[in-house]
């Protein structure tokens, strides 16, 4: 069982990176952007869960704080920035 966990974590990272690439590809078209965003989010979820399952992670509290702060900043920015302003906003 101990040998299985590192292999599954590495496989999870591989699947997550593939989902990120597919999600980014789909973000290039307005017709598939919503699906690309969902695929990228699923890839991120897989990567975070794989990282938390890794036995080398020692400080889960800091990870939780980082997720909470990042989620709060993302939620605030999602409400404040209009969708039509997004391309110009990232260039600044």
Protein backbone atom coordinates (compact mmCIF):
# COMPACT_ATOMS: atom_id res chain seq x y z
CA UNK A 1 0.00 0.00 0.00
CA UNK A 2 2.88 2.41 0.73
CA UNK A 3 4.28 1.99 -2.80
CA UNK A 4 0.86 2.70 -4.31
CA UNK A 5 0.42 6.17 -2.80
CA UNK A 6 3.38 7.97 -4.45
CA UNK A 7 2.49 6.43 -7.80
CA UNK A 8 -1.13 7.53 -7.52
CA UNK A 9 -0.05 11.05 -6.50
CA UNK A 10 2.26 11.31 -9.50
CA UNK A 11 -0.50 9.99 -11.75
CA UNK A 12 -2.89 12.55 -10.28
CA UNK A 13 -0.43 15.34 -11.11
CA UNK A 14 -0.18 14.04 -14.67
CA UNK A 15 -3.97 13.96 -15.07
CA UNK A 16 -4.28 17.43 -13.52
CA UNK A 17 -1.70 18.90 -15.90
CA UNK A 18 -3.49 17.35 -18.88
CA UNK A 19 -6.77 18.85 -17.69
CA UNK A 20 -5.11 22.26 -17.34
CA UNK A 21 -3.85 22.09 -20.92
CA UNK A 22 -7.23 21.01 -22.30
CA UNK A 23 -8.96 23.70 -20.24
CA UNK A 24 -6.63 26.40 -21.54
CA UNK A 25 -7.17 25.23 -25.11
CA UNK A 26 -10.94 25.51 -24.67
CA UNK A 27 -10.67 29.00 -23.17
CA UNK A 28 -9.63 30.25 -26.62
CA UNK A 29 -13.18 30.15 -27.96
CA UNK A 30 -16.24 31.86 -26.47
CA UNK A 31 -18.34 28.80 -27.30
CA UNK A 32 -16.19 26.45 -25.19
CA UNK A 33 -14.83 28.87 -22.56
CA UNK A 34 -17.29 27.84 -19.85
CA UNK A 35 -16.45 24.16 -20.30
CA UNK A 36 -12.72 24.98 -20.40
CA UNK A 37 -13.00 26.85 -17.12
CA UNK A 38 -14.74 23.86 -15.52
CA UNK A 39 -12.13 21.42 -16.82
CA UNK A 40 -9.32 23.62 -15.50
CA UNK A 41 -11.04 23.85 -12.10
CA UNK A 42 -11.35 20.07 -11.93
CA UNK A 43 -7.65 19.78 -12.76
CA UNK A 44 -6.82 22.21 -9.95
CA UNK A 45 -9.00 20.25 -7.51
CA UNK A 46 -7.16 17.03 -8.41
CA UNK A 47 -3.78 18.74 -7.95
CA UNK A 48 -4.74 20.19 -4.54
CA UNK A 49 -6.13 16.87 -3.27
CA UNK A 50 -3.02 15.02 -4.48
CA UNK A 51 -0.81 17.55 -2.70
CA UNK A 52 -2.79 17.20 0.53
CA UNK A 53 -2.50 13.40 0.35
CA UNK A 54 1.28 13.62 0.01
CA UNK A 55 2.91 12.59 3.27
CA UNK A 56 5.60 15.27 2.94
CA UNK A 57 3.09 18.06 3.60
CA UNK A 58 3.60 19.06 7.21
CA UNK A 59 1.52 22.20 7.69
CA UNK A 60 -2.12 21.80 6.64
CA UNK A 61 -3.13 24.96 8.50
CA UNK A 62 -1.09 27.19 6.18
CA UNK A 63 -2.58 25.47 3.14
CA UNK A 64 -6.08 26.12 4.49
CA UNK A 65 -5.22 29.78 5.16
CA UNK A 66 -3.84 30.15 1.64
CA UNK A 67 -6.95 28.60 0.11
CA UNK A 68 -9.21 30.87 2.19
CA UNK A 69 -7.28 34.04 1.30
CA UNK A 70 -7.09 33.14 -2.38
CA UNK A 71 -10.79 32.30 -2.51
CA UNK A 72 -11.73 35.58 -0.83
CA UNK A 73 -9.57 37.65 -3.19
CA UNK A 74 -10.90 35.75 -6.21
CA UNK A 75 -14.52 36.18 -5.14
CA UNK A 76 -14.09 39.92 -4.57
CA UNK A 77 -12.36 40.40 -7.91
CA UNK A 78 -14.98 38.32 -9.71
CA UNK A 79 -17.71 40.66 -8.52
CA UNK A 80 -15.81 43.91 -9.07
CA UNK A 81 -14.31 43.35 -12.54
CA UNK A 82 -16.75 43.24 -15.46
CA UNK A 83 -16.32 40.40 -17.93
CA UNK A 84 -15.70 42.85 -20.77
CA UNK A 85 -12.80 44.35 -18.79
CA UNK A 86 -11.01 41.04 -18.15
CA UNK A 87 -8.59 41.06 -21.12
CA UNK A 88 -7.48 44.64 -20.39
CA UNK A 89 -7.30 43.96 -16.65
CA UNK A 90 -4.74 41.16 -17.03
CA UNK A 91 -2.49 43.23 -19.31
CA UNK A 92 -1.91 45.97 -16.70
